[in-house]
């Protein structure tokens, strides 16, 4: 069996830019946690997993998977630091893609 690497595995979300939505959320997370006072062990591990996401080889979670699997933590981070734009992007991601 061969796998077509060009096939979008999120077929049910046809026409929705789930990867773009995840990228916006992740950019907001990274902007906040760039300040060491707003980061912790969870976010440091999140950054490591993001850096692994683009590597070829063993199966790794991508940005969309990571963002969707951390929605509660991301929501808490955005609320705690008043990132309304991030919250809006997160809600869109949850509604459309997760």
C-alpha atoms as a PDB file:
ATOM      1  CA  UNK A   1       0.000   0.000   0.000  1.00  0.00           C
ATOM      2  CA  UNK A   2       1.363   3.417  -0.921  1.00  0.00           C
ATOM      3  CA  UNK A   3       0.377   6.637   0.733  1.00  0.00           C
ATOM      4  CA  UNK A   4      -0.135   9.760  -1.330  1.00  0.00           C
ATOM      5  CA  UNK A   5       1.784  12.369   0.674  1.00  0.00           C
ATOM      6  CA  UNK A   6      -0.045  15.171  -1.131  1.00  0.00           C
ATOM      7  CA  UNK A   7      -3.457  14.052   0.125  1.00  0.00           C
ATOM      8  CA  UNK A   8      -4.842  16.225   2.901  1.00  0.00           C
ATOM      9  CA  UNK A   9      -5.673  13.876   5.757  1.00  0.00           C
ATOM     10  CA  UNK A  10      -8.251  16.357   7.062  1.00  0.00           C
ATOM     11  CA  UNK A  11     -10.594  15.652   4.160  1.00  0.00           C
ATOM     12  CA  UNK A  12     -13.755  16.368   6.152  1.00  0.00           C
ATOM     13  CA  UNK A  13     -12.554  19.952   6.523  1.00  0.00           C
ATOM     14  CA  UNK A  14     -12.386  20.561   2.792  1.00  0.00           C
ATOM     15  CA  UNK A  15     -12.310  24.276   2.047  1.00  0.00           C
ATOM     16  CA  UNK A  16     -11.306  25.249   5.596  1.00  0.00           C
ATOM     17  CA  UNK A  17      -7.734  26.376   6.208  1.00  0.00           C
ATOM     18  CA  UNK A  18      -7.171  24.287   9.341  1.00  0.00           C
ATOM     19  CA  UNK A  19      -3.400  24.482   9.054  1.00  0.00           C
ATOM     20  CA  UNK A  20      -3.596  28.266   8.686  1.00  0.00           C
ATOM     21  CA  UNK A  21      -5.959  28.503  11.669  1.00  0.00           C
ATOM     22  CA  UNK A  22      -3.579  26.406  13.775  1.00  0.00           C
ATOM     23  CA  UNK A  23      -0.617  28.527  12.695  1.00  0.00           C
ATOM     24  CA  UNK A  24      -2.360  31.706  13.919  1.00  0.00           C
ATOM     25  CA  UNK A  25      -3.110  30.121  17.306  1.00  0.00           C
ATOM     26  CA  UNK A  26       0.439  28.795  17.643  1.00  0.00           C
ATOM     27  CA  UNK A  27       1.895  32.203  16.731  1.00  0.00           C
ATOM     28  CA  UNK A  28      -0.127  33.782  19.545  1.00  0.00           C
ATOM     29  CA  UNK A  29       1.019  31.117  21.996  1.00  0.00           C
ATOM     30  CA  UNK A  30       4.654  31.588  21.019  1.00  0.00           C
ATOM     31  CA  UNK A  31       4.400  35.375  21.258  1.00  0.00           C
ATOM     32  CA  UNK A  32       3.083  35.124  24.822  1.00  0.00           C
ATOM     33  CA  UNK A  33       5.458  32.446  26.070  1.00  0.00           C
ATOM     34  CA  UNK A  34       8.481  34.245  24.622  1.00  0.00           C
ATOM     35  CA  UNK A  35       8.284  36.153  27.914  1.00  0.00           C
ATOM     36  CA  UNK A  36       9.760  33.753  30.499  1.00  0.00           C
ATOM     37  CA  UNK A  37       7.341  35.141  33.102  1.00  0.00           C
ATOM     38  CA  UNK A  38       4.452  33.760  31.009  1.00  0.00           C
ATOM     39  CA  UNK A  39       5.973  30.362  30.299  1.00  0.00           C
ATOM     40  CA  UNK A  40       6.302  27.174  32.328  1.00  0.00           C
ATOM     41  CA  UNK A  41       7.356  23.550  31.842  1.00  0.00           C
ATOM     42  CA  UNK A  42       4.237  22.790  29.769  1.00  0.00           C
ATOM     43  CA  UNK A  43       4.960  25.570  27.299  1.00  0.00           C
ATOM     44  CA  UNK A  44       8.648  24.720  27.120  1.00  0.00           C
ATOM     45  CA  UNK A  45       7.689  21.157  26.173  1.00  0.00           C
ATOM     46  CA  UNK A  46       5.138  22.526  23.708  1.00  0.00           C
ATOM     47  CA  UNK A  47       7.956  24.441  21.969  1.00  0.00           C
ATOM     48  CA  UNK A  48      10.050  21.267  21.760  1.00  0.00           C
ATOM     49  CA  UNK A  49       7.159  19.336  20.249  1.00  0.00           C
ATOM     50  CA  UNK A  50       6.569  22.129  17.735  1.00  0.00           C
ATOM     51  CA  UNK A  51      10.193  21.999  16.659  1.00  0.00           C
ATOM     52  CA  UNK A  52       9.837  18.235  16.167  1.00  0.00           C
ATOM     53  CA  UNK A  53       6.630  18.602  14.157  1.00  0.00           C
ATOM     54  CA  UNK A  54       8.379  19.545  10.936  1.00  0.00           C
ATOM     55  CA  UNK A  55      10.984  16.802  11.018  1.00  0.00           C
ATOM     56  CA  UNK A  56      10.801  13.847   8.687  1.00  0.00           C
ATOM     57  CA  UNK A  57      10.926  10.394  10.209  1.00  0.00           C
ATOM     58  CA  UNK A  58       9.055   9.074  13.206  1.00  0.00           C
ATOM     59  CA  UNK A  59       5.427  10.107  13.507  1.00  0.00           C
ATOM     60  CA  UNK A  60       5.190  13.451  15.280  1.00  0.00           C
ATOM     61  CA  UNK A  61       2.237  15.697  16.035  1.00  0.00           C
ATOM     62  CA  UNK A  62       1.916  18.668  13.694  1.00  0.00           C
ATOM     63  CA  UNK A  63       0.837  22.217  14.603  1.00  0.00           C
ATOM     64  CA  UNK A  64      -2.837  21.425  14.094  1.00  0.00           C
ATOM     65  CA  UNK A  65      -2.680  18.316  16.253  1.00  0.00           C
ATOM     66  CA  UNK A  66      -0.740  20.124  18.982  1.00  0.00           C
ATOM     67  CA  UNK A  67      -3.055  23.141  18.987  1.00  0.00           C
ATOM     68  CA  UNK A  68      -6.184  20.976  19.089  1.00  0.00           C
ATOM     69  CA  UNK A  69      -4.826  18.756  21.843  1.00  0.00           C
ATOM     70  CA  UNK A  70      -3.892  21.740  24.033  1.00  0.00           C
ATOM     71  CA  UNK A  71      -7.006  23.896  23.586  1.00  0.00           C
ATOM     72  CA  UNK A  72      -7.850  24.111  27.287  1.00  0.00           C
ATOM     73  CA  UNK A  73      -4.319  25.167  28.209  1.00  0.00           C
ATOM     74  CA  UNK A  74      -4.155  27.613  25.316  1.00  0.00           C
ATOM     75  CA  UNK A  75      -7.496  29.118  26.289  1.00  0.00           C
ATOM     76  CA  UNK A  76      -6.273  29.579  29.850  1.00  0.00           C
ATOM     77  CA  UNK A  77      -3.051  31.217  28.613  1.00  0.00           C
ATOM     78  CA  UNK A  78      -4.930  33.624  26.337  1.00  0.00           C
ATOM     79  CA  UNK A  79      -7.485  34.506  29.014  1.00  0.00           C
ATOM     80  CA  UNK A  80      -4.829  35.030  31.666  1.00  0.00           C
ATOM     81  CA  UNK A  81      -2.939  37.461  29.461  1.00  0.00           C
ATOM     82  CA  UNK A  82      -5.894  39.163  27.768  1.00  0.00           C
ATOM     83  CA  UNK A  83      -5.196  37.940  24.234  1.00  0.00           C
ATOM     84  CA  UNK A  84      -8.655  38.466  22.735  1.00  0.00           C
ATOM     85  CA  UNK A  85      -7.413  37.990  19.173  1.00  0.00           C
ATOM     86  CA  UNK A  86      -5.838  34.686  20.212  1.00  0.00           C
ATOM     87  CA  UNK A  87      -9.071  33.588  21.883  1.00  0.00           C
ATOM     88  CA  UNK A  88     -11.036  34.386  18.733  1.00  0.00           C
ATOM     89  CA  UNK A  89      -8.553  32.403  16.611  1.00  0.00           C
ATOM     90  CA  UNK A  90      -8.704  29.505  19.079  1.00  0.00           C
ATOM     91  CA  UNK A  91     -12.514  29.432  18.998  1.00  0.00           C
ATOM     92  CA  UNK A  92     -12.445  29.414  15.185  1.00  0.00           C
ATOM     93  CA  UNK A  93      -9.908  26.573  15.254  1.00  0.00           C
ATOM     94  CA  UNK A  94     -12.012  24.549  17.699  1.00  0.00           C
ATOM     95  CA  UNK A  95     -15.266  25.136  15.807  1.00  0.00           C
ATOM     96  CA  UNK A  96     -13.885  24.467  12.346  1.00  0.00           C
ATOM     97  CA  UNK A  97     -11.017  22.028  12.774  1.00  0.00           C
ATOM     98  CA  UNK A  98     -10.640  20.215  16.098  1.00  0.00           C
END
